[in-house]
């Protein structure tokens, strides 16, 4: 599907068909397309917990404002941002050297630059912005392969962290429900979008 048609078709679906299952193979295909998302220094500071079982969805729903779509969707992807990814990306820098983007002796300086971007209080915001780029790609990739989605930021951050028990360097950024729209659920007309003049400031 070409981008314009894909963009116009994408909607945030609230009512999923709970009888539809998604396979790990389906998720792999979605990821293979979505992983082309850009990220600063190409660090790809994201980690995904794919919640597939009914039991795990129920636990997640309890810390996600009791939203029904958490348990109705075929899967819920919990997108985490890695606030220390710059320390775990030697493979990225090795790849840049191998492809001639930089020289081996330039790697320590590049790592130091990446570390400054993630320094202190900026780490969560920086990782989250990059995860946001990945999330949008996931939604487009899913739709291109016939799946509906709904991004959610209505959840208890500490509750999600405790539920999955990941290293504290991982901060939950977004939940992404994936499935098929319930056949009897009608989509309301698309909400308004602000005009160019309202959004852009020309200098």
N, C-alpha and C. Protein backbone atom coordinates (compact mmCIF):
# COMPACT_ATOMS: atom_id res chain seq x y z
N UNK A 1 0.85 -1.19 0.00
CA UNK A 1 0.00 0.00 0.00
C UNK A 1 0.89 1.24 0.00
N UNK A 2 0.60 2.21 -0.88
CA UNK A 2 1.43 3.40 -0.92
C UNK A 2 1.17 4.27 0.31
N UNK A 3 2.17 5.12 0.65
CA UNK A 3 2.14 5.82 1.93
C UNK A 3 0.89 6.67 2.12
N UNK A 4 0.48 7.42 1.14
CA UNK A 4 -0.68 8.30 1.33
C UNK A 4 -1.93 7.50 1.69
N UNK A 5 -2.14 6.40 0.97
CA UNK A 5 -3.32 5.56 1.26
C UNK A 5 -3.20 4.95 2.65
N UNK A 6 -1.99 4.52 2.99
CA UNK A 6 -1.75 3.93 4.30
C UNK A 6 -2.04 4.94 5.40
N UNK A 7 -1.55 6.14 5.23
CA UNK A 7 -1.73 7.19 6.23
C UNK A 7 -3.20 7.56 6.40
N UNK A 8 -3.93 7.62 5.29
CA UNK A 8 -5.34 7.98 5.36
C UNK A 8 -6.18 6.84 5.95
N UNK A 9 -5.73 5.62 5.78
CA UNK A 9 -6.49 4.47 6.29
C UNK A 9 -6.23 4.22 7.78
N UNK A 10 -5.04 4.60 8.28
CA UNK A 10 -4.70 4.30 9.67
C UNK A 10 -5.63 5.02 10.63
N UNK A 11 -6.20 4.25 11.54
CA UNK A 11 -7.05 4.79 12.58
C UNK A 11 -6.68 4.12 13.90
N UNK A 12 -6.95 4.81 14.98
CA UNK A 12 -6.75 4.22 16.31
C UNK A 12 -8.02 3.47 16.67
N UNK A 13 -7.94 2.15 16.61
CA UNK A 13 -9.12 1.30 16.80
C UNK A 13 -9.33 1.03 18.29
N UNK A 14 -10.54 1.28 18.75
CA UNK A 14 -10.87 1.09 20.16
C UNK A 14 -11.46 -0.28 20.47
N UNK A 15 -12.05 -0.91 19.45
CA UNK A 15 -12.76 -2.16 19.71
C UNK A 15 -12.18 -3.28 18.84
N UNK A 16 -11.46 -4.19 19.49
CA UNK A 16 -10.81 -5.28 18.78
C UNK A 16 -11.62 -6.56 18.90
N UNK A 17 -11.45 -7.42 17.91
CA UNK A 17 -12.10 -8.74 17.91
C UNK A 17 -11.25 -9.68 18.77
N UNK A 18 -11.73 -10.05 19.95
CA UNK A 18 -10.93 -10.87 20.86
C UNK A 18 -10.71 -12.31 20.38
N UNK A 19 -11.44 -12.71 19.34
CA UNK A 19 -11.28 -14.08 18.83
C UNK A 19 -10.11 -14.20 17.86
N UNK A 20 -9.54 -13.07 17.47
CA UNK A 20 -8.43 -13.09 16.50
C UNK A 20 -7.10 -13.20 17.22
N UNK A 21 -6.27 -14.12 16.78
CA UNK A 21 -4.94 -14.28 17.37
C UNK A 21 -3.88 -13.78 16.39
N UNK A 22 -2.76 -13.38 16.93
CA UNK A 22 -1.62 -12.96 16.11
C UNK A 22 -0.46 -13.87 16.47
N UNK A 23 0.30 -14.28 15.48
CA UNK A 23 1.40 -15.21 15.72
C UNK A 23 2.71 -14.46 15.90
N UNK A 24 3.68 -15.16 16.43
CA UNK A 24 5.02 -14.58 16.57
C UNK A 24 5.57 -14.26 15.18
N UNK A 25 5.24 -15.10 14.21
CA UNK A 25 5.68 -14.85 12.83
C UNK A 25 5.10 -13.54 12.31
N UNK A 26 3.83 -13.27 12.63
CA UNK A 26 3.20 -12.00 12.23
C UNK A 26 3.96 -10.82 12.85
N UNK A 27 4.27 -10.95 14.13
CA UNK A 27 4.99 -9.88 14.82
C UNK A 27 6.38 -9.68 14.23
N UNK A 28 7.03 -10.77 13.86
CA UNK A 28 8.35 -10.67 13.26
C UNK A 28 8.30 -9.92 11.94
N UNK A 29 7.27 -10.20 11.13
CA UNK A 29 7.12 -9.51 9.84
C UNK A 29 6.89 -8.02 10.04
N UNK A 30 6.07 -7.68 11.04
CA UNK A 30 5.81 -6.27 11.34
C UNK A 30 7.11 -5.60 11.77
N UNK A 31 7.86 -6.27 12.64
CA UNK A 31 9.11 -5.69 13.13
C UNK A 31 10.12 -5.49 12.01
N UNK A 32 10.24 -6.46 11.12
CA UNK A 32 11.22 -6.36 10.04
C UNK A 32 10.99 -5.12 9.19
N UNK A 33 9.74 -4.72 9.03
CA UNK A 33 9.45 -3.49 8.29
C UNK A 33 9.66 -2.27 9.17
N UNK A 34 9.23 -2.36 10.42
CA UNK A 34 9.27 -1.20 11.32
C UNK A 34 10.67 -0.85 11.78
N UNK A 35 11.58 -1.80 11.79
CA UNK A 35 12.92 -1.54 12.33
C UNK A 35 13.72 -0.55 11.52
N UNK A 36 13.22 -0.18 10.35
CA UNK A 36 13.90 0.83 9.54
C UNK A 36 13.67 2.24 10.05
N UNK A 37 12.96 2.38 11.15
CA UNK A 37 12.73 3.69 11.76
C UNK A 37 14.07 4.37 12.08
N UNK A 38 14.13 5.69 11.92
CA UNK A 38 15.36 6.39 12.27
C UNK A 38 15.53 6.53 13.77
N UNK A 39 16.78 6.66 14.20
CA UNK A 39 17.07 6.95 15.60
C UNK A 39 18.43 7.63 15.66
N UNK A 40 18.60 8.46 16.65
CA UNK A 40 19.85 9.20 16.78
C UNK A 40 21.04 8.25 16.91
N UNK A 41 22.06 8.48 16.11
CA UNK A 41 23.25 7.63 16.05
C UNK A 41 22.90 6.20 15.64
N UNK A 42 21.67 5.99 15.20
CA UNK A 42 21.18 4.64 14.86
C UNK A 42 21.27 3.69 16.06
N UNK A 43 21.11 4.23 17.26
CA UNK A 43 21.25 3.39 18.46
C UNK A 43 20.05 2.47 18.68
N UNK A 44 18.89 2.83 18.10
CA UNK A 44 17.68 2.00 18.24
C UNK A 44 17.41 1.67 19.71
N UNK A 45 17.18 2.71 20.52
CA UNK A 45 17.07 2.49 21.97
C UNK A 45 15.70 2.01 22.41
N UNK A 46 15.24 0.92 21.80
CA UNK A 46 13.92 0.40 22.15
C UNK A 46 13.99 -1.08 22.50
N UNK A 47 13.09 -1.45 23.38
CA UNK A 47 12.89 -2.85 23.77
C UNK A 47 11.38 -3.06 23.81
N UNK A 48 10.93 -4.21 23.32
CA UNK A 48 9.49 -4.48 23.23
C UNK A 48 9.12 -5.74 24.00
N UNK A 49 8.15 -5.61 24.89
CA UNK A 49 7.56 -6.78 25.53
C UNK A 49 6.23 -7.03 24.83
N UNK A 50 6.10 -8.18 24.18
CA UNK A 50 4.87 -8.53 23.47
C UNK A 50 3.99 -9.35 24.40
N UNK A 51 2.88 -8.76 24.80
CA UNK A 51 1.95 -9.43 25.73
C UNK A 51 0.89 -10.16 24.90
N UNK A 52 0.93 -11.48 24.96
CA UNK A 52 0.08 -12.30 24.11
C UNK A 52 -0.94 -13.13 24.89
N UNK A 53 -0.59 -13.60 26.06
CA UNK A 53 -1.48 -14.49 26.80
C UNK A 53 -2.59 -13.72 27.51
N UNK A 54 -3.72 -14.40 27.69
CA UNK A 54 -4.86 -13.79 28.36
C UNK A 54 -4.50 -13.37 29.78
N UNK A 55 -3.74 -14.20 30.45
CA UNK A 55 -3.38 -13.93 31.84
C UNK A 55 -2.50 -12.67 31.94
N UNK A 56 -1.53 -12.56 31.06
CA UNK A 56 -0.63 -11.40 31.10
C UNK A 56 -1.35 -10.13 30.68
N UNK A 57 -2.30 -10.25 29.75
CA UNK A 57 -3.09 -9.08 29.35
C UNK A 57 -3.93 -8.57 30.52
N UNK A 58 -4.48 -9.49 31.29
CA UNK A 58 -5.28 -9.09 32.46
C UNK A 58 -4.42 -8.32 33.46
N UNK A 59 -3.20 -8.79 33.68
CA UNK A 59 -2.29 -8.10 34.59
C UNK A 59 -1.95 -6.71 34.06
N UNK A 60 -1.70 -6.62 32.75
CA UNK A 60 -1.37 -5.33 32.15
C UNK A 60 -2.56 -4.38 32.21
N UNK A 61 -3.75 -4.91 31.95
CA UNK A 61 -4.95 -4.06 31.99
C UNK A 61 -5.12 -3.41 33.36
N UNK A 62 -4.74 -4.13 34.41
CA UNK A 62 -4.88 -3.60 35.77
C UNK A 62 -4.01 -2.38 36.02
N UNK A 63 -2.92 -2.23 35.25
CA UNK A 63 -2.05 -1.05 35.41
C UNK A 63 -2.16 -0.12 34.20
N UNK A 64 -3.19 -0.35 33.38
CA UNK A 64 -3.41 0.47 32.19
C UNK A 64 -4.81 1.07 32.20
N UNK A 65 -5.20 1.58 33.36
CA UNK A 65 -6.48 2.27 33.52
C UNK A 65 -7.66 1.40 33.13
N UNK A 66 -7.49 0.09 33.25
CA UNK A 66 -8.57 -0.86 33.00
C UNK A 66 -9.17 -0.71 31.60
N UNK A 67 -8.35 -0.38 30.62
CA UNK A 67 -8.84 -0.19 29.25
C UNK A 67 -9.17 -1.55 28.62
N UNK A 68 -10.42 -1.75 28.18
CA UNK A 68 -10.82 -3.05 27.62
C UNK A 68 -9.98 -3.51 26.44
N UNK A 69 -9.49 -2.57 25.63
CA UNK A 69 -8.74 -2.98 24.45
C UNK A 69 -7.45 -3.71 24.79
N UNK A 70 -6.97 -3.55 26.02
CA UNK A 70 -5.76 -4.27 26.43
C UNK A 70 -6.00 -5.77 26.40
N UNK A 71 -7.17 -6.19 26.84
CA UNK A 71 -7.47 -7.63 26.85
C UNK A 71 -8.15 -8.10 25.57
N UNK A 72 -8.75 -7.18 24.82
CA UNK A 72 -9.43 -7.57 23.59
C UNK A 72 -8.49 -7.70 22.40
N UNK A 73 -7.42 -6.92 22.40
CA UNK A 73 -6.48 -6.94 21.28
C UNK A 73 -5.77 -8.29 21.19
N UNK A 74 -5.29 -8.61 20.01
CA UNK A 74 -4.56 -9.87 19.82
C UNK A 74 -3.23 -9.85 20.57
N UNK A 75 -2.63 -8.68 20.64
CA UNK A 75 -1.38 -8.50 21.38
C UNK A 75 -1.28 -7.06 21.82
N UNK A 76 -0.56 -6.83 22.89
CA UNK A 76 -0.23 -5.46 23.29
C UNK A 76 1.30 -5.40 23.39
N UNK A 77 1.86 -4.49 22.63
CA UNK A 77 3.30 -4.29 22.66
C UNK A 77 3.61 -3.19 23.66
N UNK A 78 4.44 -3.51 24.63
CA UNK A 78 4.86 -2.52 25.61
C UNK A 78 6.22 -2.02 25.15
N UNK A 79 6.26 -0.76 24.74
CA UNK A 79 7.49 -0.20 24.17
C UNK A 79 8.28 0.52 25.26
N UNK A 80 9.48 0.05 25.48
CA UNK A 80 10.38 0.63 26.46
C UNK A 80 11.51 1.37 25.76
N UNK A 81 11.98 2.45 26.40
CA UNK A 81 13.15 3.15 25.92
C UNK A 81 14.35 2.83 26.80
N UNK A 82 15.47 2.51 26.18
CA UNK A 82 16.69 2.19 26.92
C UNK A 82 17.50 3.46 27.12
N UNK A 83 17.56 3.92 28.35
CA UNK A 83 18.25 5.19 28.65
C UNK A 83 19.77 5.03 28.70
N UNK A 84 20.25 3.82 28.52
CA UNK A 84 21.71 3.57 28.54
C UNK A 84 22.17 2.90 27.25
N UNK A 85 21.40 3.04 26.19
CA UNK A 85 21.70 2.33 24.95
C UNK A 85 23.07 2.70 24.37
N UNK A 86 23.53 3.91 24.64
CA UNK A 86 24.82 4.34 24.09
C UNK A 86 25.97 3.47 24.59
N UNK A 87 25.78 2.80 25.73
CA UNK A 87 26.80 1.92 26.28
C UNK A 87 26.71 0.51 25.72
N UNK A 88 25.65 0.23 24.97
CA UNK A 88 25.39 -1.14 24.52
C UNK A 88 25.27 -1.23 23.00
N UNK A 89 25.96 -0.37 22.30
CA UNK A 89 25.79 -0.29 20.85
C UNK A 89 27.11 -0.37 20.08
N UNK A 90 28.04 -1.16 20.61
CA UNK A 90 29.31 -1.32 19.89
C UNK A 90 29.06 -1.89 18.50
N UNK A 91 28.04 -2.75 18.38
CA UNK A 91 27.72 -3.32 17.07
C UNK A 91 27.32 -2.25 16.06
N UNK A 92 26.62 -1.22 16.55
CA UNK A 92 26.22 -0.12 15.67
C UNK A 92 27.44 0.64 15.18
N UNK A 93 28.35 0.93 16.09
CA UNK A 93 29.54 1.69 15.71
C UNK A 93 30.48 0.85 14.84
N UNK A 94 30.57 -0.45 15.13
CA UNK A 94 31.37 -1.34 14.28
C UNK A 94 30.83 -1.35 12.86
N UNK A 95 29.51 -1.36 12.75
CA UNK A 95 28.86 -1.36 11.43
C UNK A 95 29.16 -0.06 10.69
N UNK A 96 29.15 1.06 11.40
CA UNK A 96 29.46 2.35 10.78
C UNK A 96 30.90 2.38 10.26
N UNK A 97 31.79 1.77 11.02
CA UNK A 97 33.19 1.71 10.58
C UNK A 97 33.31 0.81 9.35
N UNK A 98 32.67 -0.36 9.41
CA UNK A 98 32.75 -1.32 8.30
C UNK A 98 32.20 -0.74 7.00
N UNK A 99 31.19 0.14 7.12
CA UNK A 99 30.57 0.72 5.92
C UNK A 99 31.19 2.04 5.50
N UNK A 100 32.23 2.44 6.22
CA UNK A 100 32.96 3.64 5.81
C UNK A 100 32.36 4.94 6.28
N UNK A 101 31.40 4.89 7.20
CA UNK A 101 30.81 6.12 7.72
C UNK A 101 31.78 6.87 8.63
N UNK A 102 32.64 6.11 9.29
CA UNK A 102 33.58 6.71 10.21
C UNK A 102 34.80 5.80 10.35
N UNK A 103 35.85 6.34 10.91
CA UNK A 103 37.07 5.57 11.16
C UNK A 103 37.02 4.98 12.57
N UNK A 104 37.74 3.88 12.76
CA UNK A 104 37.72 3.20 14.05
C UNK A 104 38.14 4.12 15.19
N UNK A 105 39.11 4.99 14.92
CA UNK A 105 39.60 5.88 15.97
C UNK A 105 38.59 6.97 16.34
N UNK A 106 37.54 7.12 15.53
CA UNK A 106 36.51 8.12 15.81
C UNK A 106 35.39 7.59 16.70
N UNK A 107 35.38 6.28 16.91
CA UNK A 107 34.29 5.66 17.67
C UNK A 107 34.20 6.19 19.10
N UNK A 108 35.30 6.26 19.87
CA UNK A 108 35.18 6.75 21.25
C UNK A 108 34.56 8.15 21.32
N UNK A 109 34.90 9.00 20.38
CA UNK A 109 34.32 10.36 20.37
C UNK A 109 32.83 10.30 20.08
N UNK A 110 32.41 9.42 19.16
CA UNK A 110 30.99 9.29 18.84
C UNK A 110 30.20 8.76 20.04
N UNK A 111 30.78 7.79 20.74
CA UNK A 111 30.12 7.25 21.94
C UNK A 111 29.98 8.34 22.99
N UNK A 112 31.01 9.15 23.15
CA UNK A 112 30.97 10.24 24.12
C UNK A 112 29.90 11.25 23.76
N UNK A 113 29.75 11.54 22.46
CA UNK A 113 28.70 12.46 22.02
C UNK A 113 27.32 11.90 22.33
N UNK A 114 27.14 10.61 22.07
CA UNK A 114 25.86 9.96 22.35
C UNK A 114 25.58 9.99 23.85
N UNK A 115 26.60 9.78 24.65
CA UNK A 115 26.44 9.80 26.10
C UNK A 115 25.99 11.17 26.59
N UNK A 116 26.51 12.22 25.97
CA UNK A 116 26.08 13.58 26.37
C UNK A 116 24.61 13.80 26.07
N UNK A 117 24.12 13.23 24.97
CA UNK A 117 22.71 13.37 24.63
C UNK A 117 21.82 12.69 25.67
N UNK A 118 22.31 11.61 26.24
CA UNK A 118 21.54 10.84 27.21
C UNK A 118 21.88 11.21 28.65
N UNK A 119 22.62 12.28 28.83
CA UNK A 119 23.10 12.63 30.17
C UNK A 119 21.97 13.06 31.10
N UNK A 120 22.05 12.60 32.34
CA UNK A 120 21.18 13.07 33.41
C UNK A 120 19.70 12.98 33.12
N UNK A 121 19.01 14.07 33.40
CA UNK A 121 17.56 14.12 33.28
C UNK A 121 17.07 14.03 31.84
N UNK A 122 17.96 14.21 30.88
CA UNK A 122 17.54 14.18 29.48
C UNK A 122 17.34 12.77 28.95
N UNK A 123 17.85 11.78 29.67
CA UNK A 123 17.86 10.41 29.16
C UNK A 123 16.47 9.89 28.81
N UNK A 124 15.52 10.09 29.71
CA UNK A 124 14.16 9.57 29.48
C UNK A 124 13.53 10.24 28.26
N UNK A 125 13.64 11.55 28.18
CA UNK A 125 13.07 12.26 27.05
C UNK A 125 13.71 11.87 25.75
N UNK A 126 15.02 11.70 25.77
CA UNK A 126 15.73 11.36 24.54
C UNK A 126 15.35 9.96 24.06
N UNK A 127 15.35 9.01 24.97
CA UNK A 127 14.97 7.64 24.59
C UNK A 127 13.52 7.60 24.13
N UNK A 128 12.66 8.35 24.80
CA UNK A 128 11.23 8.34 24.47
C UNK A 128 10.97 8.91 23.08
N UNK A 129 11.67 9.97 22.72
CA UNK A 129 11.46 10.55 21.39
C UNK A 129 11.85 9.57 20.30
N UNK A 130 12.93 8.86 20.52
CA UNK A 130 13.35 7.87 19.54
C UNK A 130 12.37 6.71 19.47
N UNK A 131 11.87 6.27 20.61
CA UNK A 131 10.87 5.19 20.63
C UNK A 131 9.60 5.63 19.90
N UNK A 132 9.26 6.92 20.01
CA UNK A 132 8.09 7.43 19.31
C UNK A 132 8.19 7.25 17.80
N UNK A 133 9.39 7.46 17.26
CA UNK A 133 9.60 7.26 15.83
C UNK A 133 9.38 5.79 15.45
N UNK A 134 9.89 4.91 16.29
CA UNK A 134 9.73 3.47 16.07
C UNK A 134 8.26 3.07 16.17
N UNK A 135 7.54 3.64 17.14
CA UNK A 135 6.13 3.30 17.34
C UNK A 135 5.29 3.64 16.11
N UNK A 136 5.56 4.80 15.51
CA UNK A 136 4.80 5.19 14.32
C UNK A 136 5.07 4.21 13.19
N UNK A 137 6.32 3.80 13.05
CA UNK A 137 6.64 2.82 12.02
C UNK A 137 5.94 1.48 12.29
N UNK A 138 5.86 1.09 13.55
CA UNK A 138 5.16 -0.15 13.88
C UNK A 138 3.69 -0.07 13.45
N UNK A 139 3.07 1.07 13.68
CA UNK A 139 1.66 1.21 13.31
C UNK A 139 1.45 1.13 11.81
N UNK A 140 2.32 1.79 11.06
CA UNK A 140 2.21 1.73 9.60
C UNK A 140 2.52 0.32 9.08
N UNK A 141 3.55 -0.31 9.64
CA UNK A 141 3.91 -1.67 9.21
C UNK A 141 2.79 -2.65 9.51
N UNK A 142 2.18 -2.51 10.69
CA UNK A 142 1.08 -3.40 11.05
C UNK A 142 -0.10 -3.23 10.09
N UNK A 143 -0.46 -1.98 9.81
CA UNK A 143 -1.59 -1.73 8.92
C UNK A 143 -1.29 -2.25 7.51
N UNK A 144 -0.08 -2.07 7.05
CA UNK A 144 0.31 -2.54 5.72
C UNK A 144 0.15 -4.05 5.61
N UNK A 145 0.22 -4.74 6.75
CA UNK A 145 0.09 -6.19 6.76
C UNK A 145 -1.28 -6.64 7.27
N UNK A 146 -2.22 -5.69 7.32
CA UNK A 146 -3.60 -6.05 7.60
C UNK A 146 -4.04 -5.99 9.05
N UNK A 147 -3.22 -5.36 9.92
CA UNK A 147 -3.55 -5.29 11.34
C UNK A 147 -3.91 -3.88 11.76
N UNK A 148 -4.85 -3.78 12.69
CA UNK A 148 -5.23 -2.49 13.26
C UNK A 148 -4.45 -2.26 14.54
N UNK A 149 -4.32 -1.00 14.93
CA UNK A 149 -3.55 -0.67 16.13
C UNK A 149 -4.21 0.45 16.92
N UNK A 150 -3.73 0.61 18.13
CA UNK A 150 -4.12 1.76 18.96
C UNK A 150 -2.99 2.05 19.93
N UNK A 151 -2.35 3.23 19.80
CA UNK A 151 -1.29 3.60 20.75
C UNK A 151 -1.90 4.13 22.04
N UNK A 152 -1.29 3.79 23.17
CA UNK A 152 -1.83 4.20 24.47
C UNK A 152 -0.71 4.72 25.37
N UNK A 153 -0.96 5.86 25.98
CA UNK A 153 -0.04 6.31 27.03
C UNK A 153 -0.77 6.43 28.36
N UNK A 154 -1.95 5.85 28.42
CA UNK A 154 -2.71 5.82 29.67
C UNK A 154 -2.36 4.58 30.49
N UNK A 155 -1.28 4.68 31.26
CA UNK A 155 -0.88 3.56 32.09
C UNK A 155 -0.05 4.07 33.26
N UNK A 156 0.05 3.23 34.27
CA UNK A 156 0.83 3.54 35.46
C UNK A 156 2.28 3.14 35.19
N UNK A 157 3.16 4.12 35.06
CA UNK A 157 4.56 3.85 34.71
C UNK A 157 5.21 2.89 35.70
N UNK A 158 5.08 3.20 36.99
CA UNK A 158 5.69 2.35 38.00
C UNK A 158 5.06 0.96 38.01
N UNK A 159 3.74 0.91 37.76
CA UNK A 159 3.05 -0.38 37.72
C UNK A 159 3.55 -1.24 36.58
N UNK A 160 3.76 -0.64 35.42
CA UNK A 160 4.27 -1.39 34.26
C UNK A 160 5.70 -1.85 34.51
N UNK A 161 6.51 -0.97 35.09
CA UNK A 161 7.89 -1.36 35.39
C UNK A 161 7.93 -2.55 36.36
N UNK A 162 7.08 -2.49 37.37
CA UNK A 162 7.04 -3.57 38.36
C UNK A 162 6.52 -4.86 37.75
N UNK A 163 5.53 -4.75 36.86
CA UNK A 163 4.91 -5.92 36.25
C UNK A 163 5.92 -6.74 35.46
N UNK A 164 6.77 -6.06 34.71
CA UNK A 164 7.69 -6.79 33.83
C UNK A 164 9.08 -6.96 34.42
N UNK A 165 9.41 -6.18 35.43
CA UNK A 165 10.66 -6.39 36.15
C UNK A 165 11.92 -6.21 35.33
N UNK A 166 11.88 -5.34 34.33
CA UNK A 166 13.09 -5.09 33.54
C UNK A 166 14.06 -4.21 34.30
N UNK A 167 15.28 -4.17 33.84
CA UNK A 167 16.30 -3.30 34.42
C UNK A 167 15.77 -1.86 34.43
N UNK A 168 16.04 -1.10 35.49
CA UNK A 168 15.54 0.28 35.58
C UNK A 168 15.96 1.20 34.44
N UNK A 169 16.97 0.79 33.68
CA UNK A 169 17.38 1.61 32.53
C UNK A 169 16.28 1.66 31.46
N UNK A 170 15.36 0.68 31.51
CA UNK A 170 14.25 0.66 30.55
C UNK A 170 13.05 1.41 31.12
N UNK A 171 12.62 2.43 30.41
CA UNK A 171 11.45 3.20 30.84
C UNK A 171 10.28 2.94 29.88
N UNK A 172 9.09 2.63 30.41
CA UNK A 172 7.95 2.39 29.53
C UNK A 172 7.49 3.69 28.87
N UNK A 173 7.38 3.65 27.57
CA UNK A 173 7.02 4.85 26.79
C UNK A 173 5.59 4.79 26.29
N UNK A 174 5.17 3.63 25.84
CA UNK A 174 3.87 3.52 25.17
C UNK A 174 3.41 2.08 25.14
N UNK A 175 2.09 1.89 25.13
CA UNK A 175 1.49 0.59 24.86
C UNK A 175 0.91 0.66 23.45
N UNK A 176 1.05 -0.42 22.71
CA UNK A 176 0.50 -0.44 21.36
C UNK A 176 -0.32 -1.72 21.18
N UNK A 177 -1.65 -1.53 21.16
CA UNK A 177 -2.55 -2.66 20.95
C UNK A 177 -2.59 -3.01 19.47
N UNK A 178 -2.53 -4.30 19.16
CA UNK A 178 -2.57 -4.77 17.78
C UNK A 178 -3.61 -5.87 17.66
N UNK A 179 -4.42 -5.81 16.62
CA UNK A 179 -5.41 -6.84 16.39
C UNK A 179 -6.24 -6.50 15.15
N UNK A 180 -7.45 -7.02 15.12
CA UNK A 180 -8.39 -6.73 14.02
C UNK A 180 -9.63 -6.07 14.62
N UNK A 181 -10.08 -5.02 13.98
CA UNK A 181 -11.27 -4.30 14.45
C UNK A 181 -12.45 -5.26 14.54
N UNK A 182 -13.20 -5.13 15.62
CA UNK A 182 -14.39 -5.95 15.79
C UNK A 182 -15.37 -5.65 14.65
N UNK A 183 -15.87 -6.66 13.96
CA UNK A 183 -16.71 -6.43 12.78
C UNK A 183 -17.92 -5.53 13.02
N UNK A 184 -18.50 -5.60 14.21
CA UNK A 184 -19.70 -4.81 14.46
C UNK A 184 -19.40 -3.42 15.01
N UNK A 185 -18.14 -3.08 15.13
CA UNK A 185 -17.76 -1.77 15.67
C UNK A 185 -17.53 -0.78 14.53
N UNK A 186 -18.32 0.27 14.54
CA UNK A 186 -18.18 1.29 13.49
C UNK A 186 -17.19 2.36 13.92
N UNK A 187 -16.35 2.76 12.99
CA UNK A 187 -15.42 3.85 13.26
C UNK A 187 -16.15 5.17 13.11
N UNK A 188 -15.97 6.05 14.07
CA UNK A 188 -16.55 7.40 13.96
C UNK A 188 -15.76 8.19 12.92
N UNK A 189 -16.36 9.27 12.39
CA UNK A 189 -15.61 10.09 11.44
C UNK A 189 -14.28 10.54 12.05
N UNK A 190 -13.26 10.64 11.23
CA UNK A 190 -11.95 11.04 11.73
C UNK A 190 -12.02 12.41 12.39
N UNK A 191 -11.32 12.54 13.51
CA UNK A 191 -11.30 13.80 14.22
C UNK A 191 -10.63 14.90 13.42
N UNK A 192 -10.94 16.14 13.76
CA UNK A 192 -10.37 17.29 13.04
C UNK A 192 -8.85 17.32 13.17
N UNK A 193 -8.21 17.92 12.20
CA UNK A 193 -6.77 18.15 12.24
C UNK A 193 -6.54 19.65 12.04
N UNK A 194 -5.58 20.19 12.76
CA UNK A 194 -5.32 21.62 12.69
C UNK A 194 -4.72 22.01 11.35
N UNK A 195 -4.99 23.24 10.93
CA UNK A 195 -4.52 23.72 9.64
C UNK A 195 -3.04 24.06 9.68
N UNK A 196 -2.46 24.20 8.52
CA UNK A 196 -1.05 24.59 8.39
C UNK A 196 -0.78 25.89 9.14
N UNK A 197 -1.67 26.88 8.97
CA UNK A 197 -1.45 28.18 9.58
C UNK A 197 -1.51 28.13 11.10
N UNK A 198 -2.30 27.20 11.64
CA UNK A 198 -2.37 27.06 13.09
C UNK A 198 -1.12 26.40 13.66
N UNK A 199 -0.49 25.57 12.89
CA UNK A 199 0.60 24.75 13.40
C UNK A 199 1.98 25.36 13.11
N UNK A 200 2.15 25.92 11.91
CA UNK A 200 3.46 26.39 11.50
C UNK A 200 3.71 27.84 11.88
N UNK A 201 4.93 28.10 12.33
CA UNK A 201 5.41 29.47 12.54
C UNK A 201 6.54 29.67 11.53
N UNK A 202 6.36 30.62 10.65
CA UNK A 202 7.36 30.88 9.60
C UNK A 202 8.26 32.02 10.03
N UNK A 203 9.54 31.79 9.96
CA UNK A 203 10.51 32.82 10.38
C UNK A 203 11.45 33.19 9.23
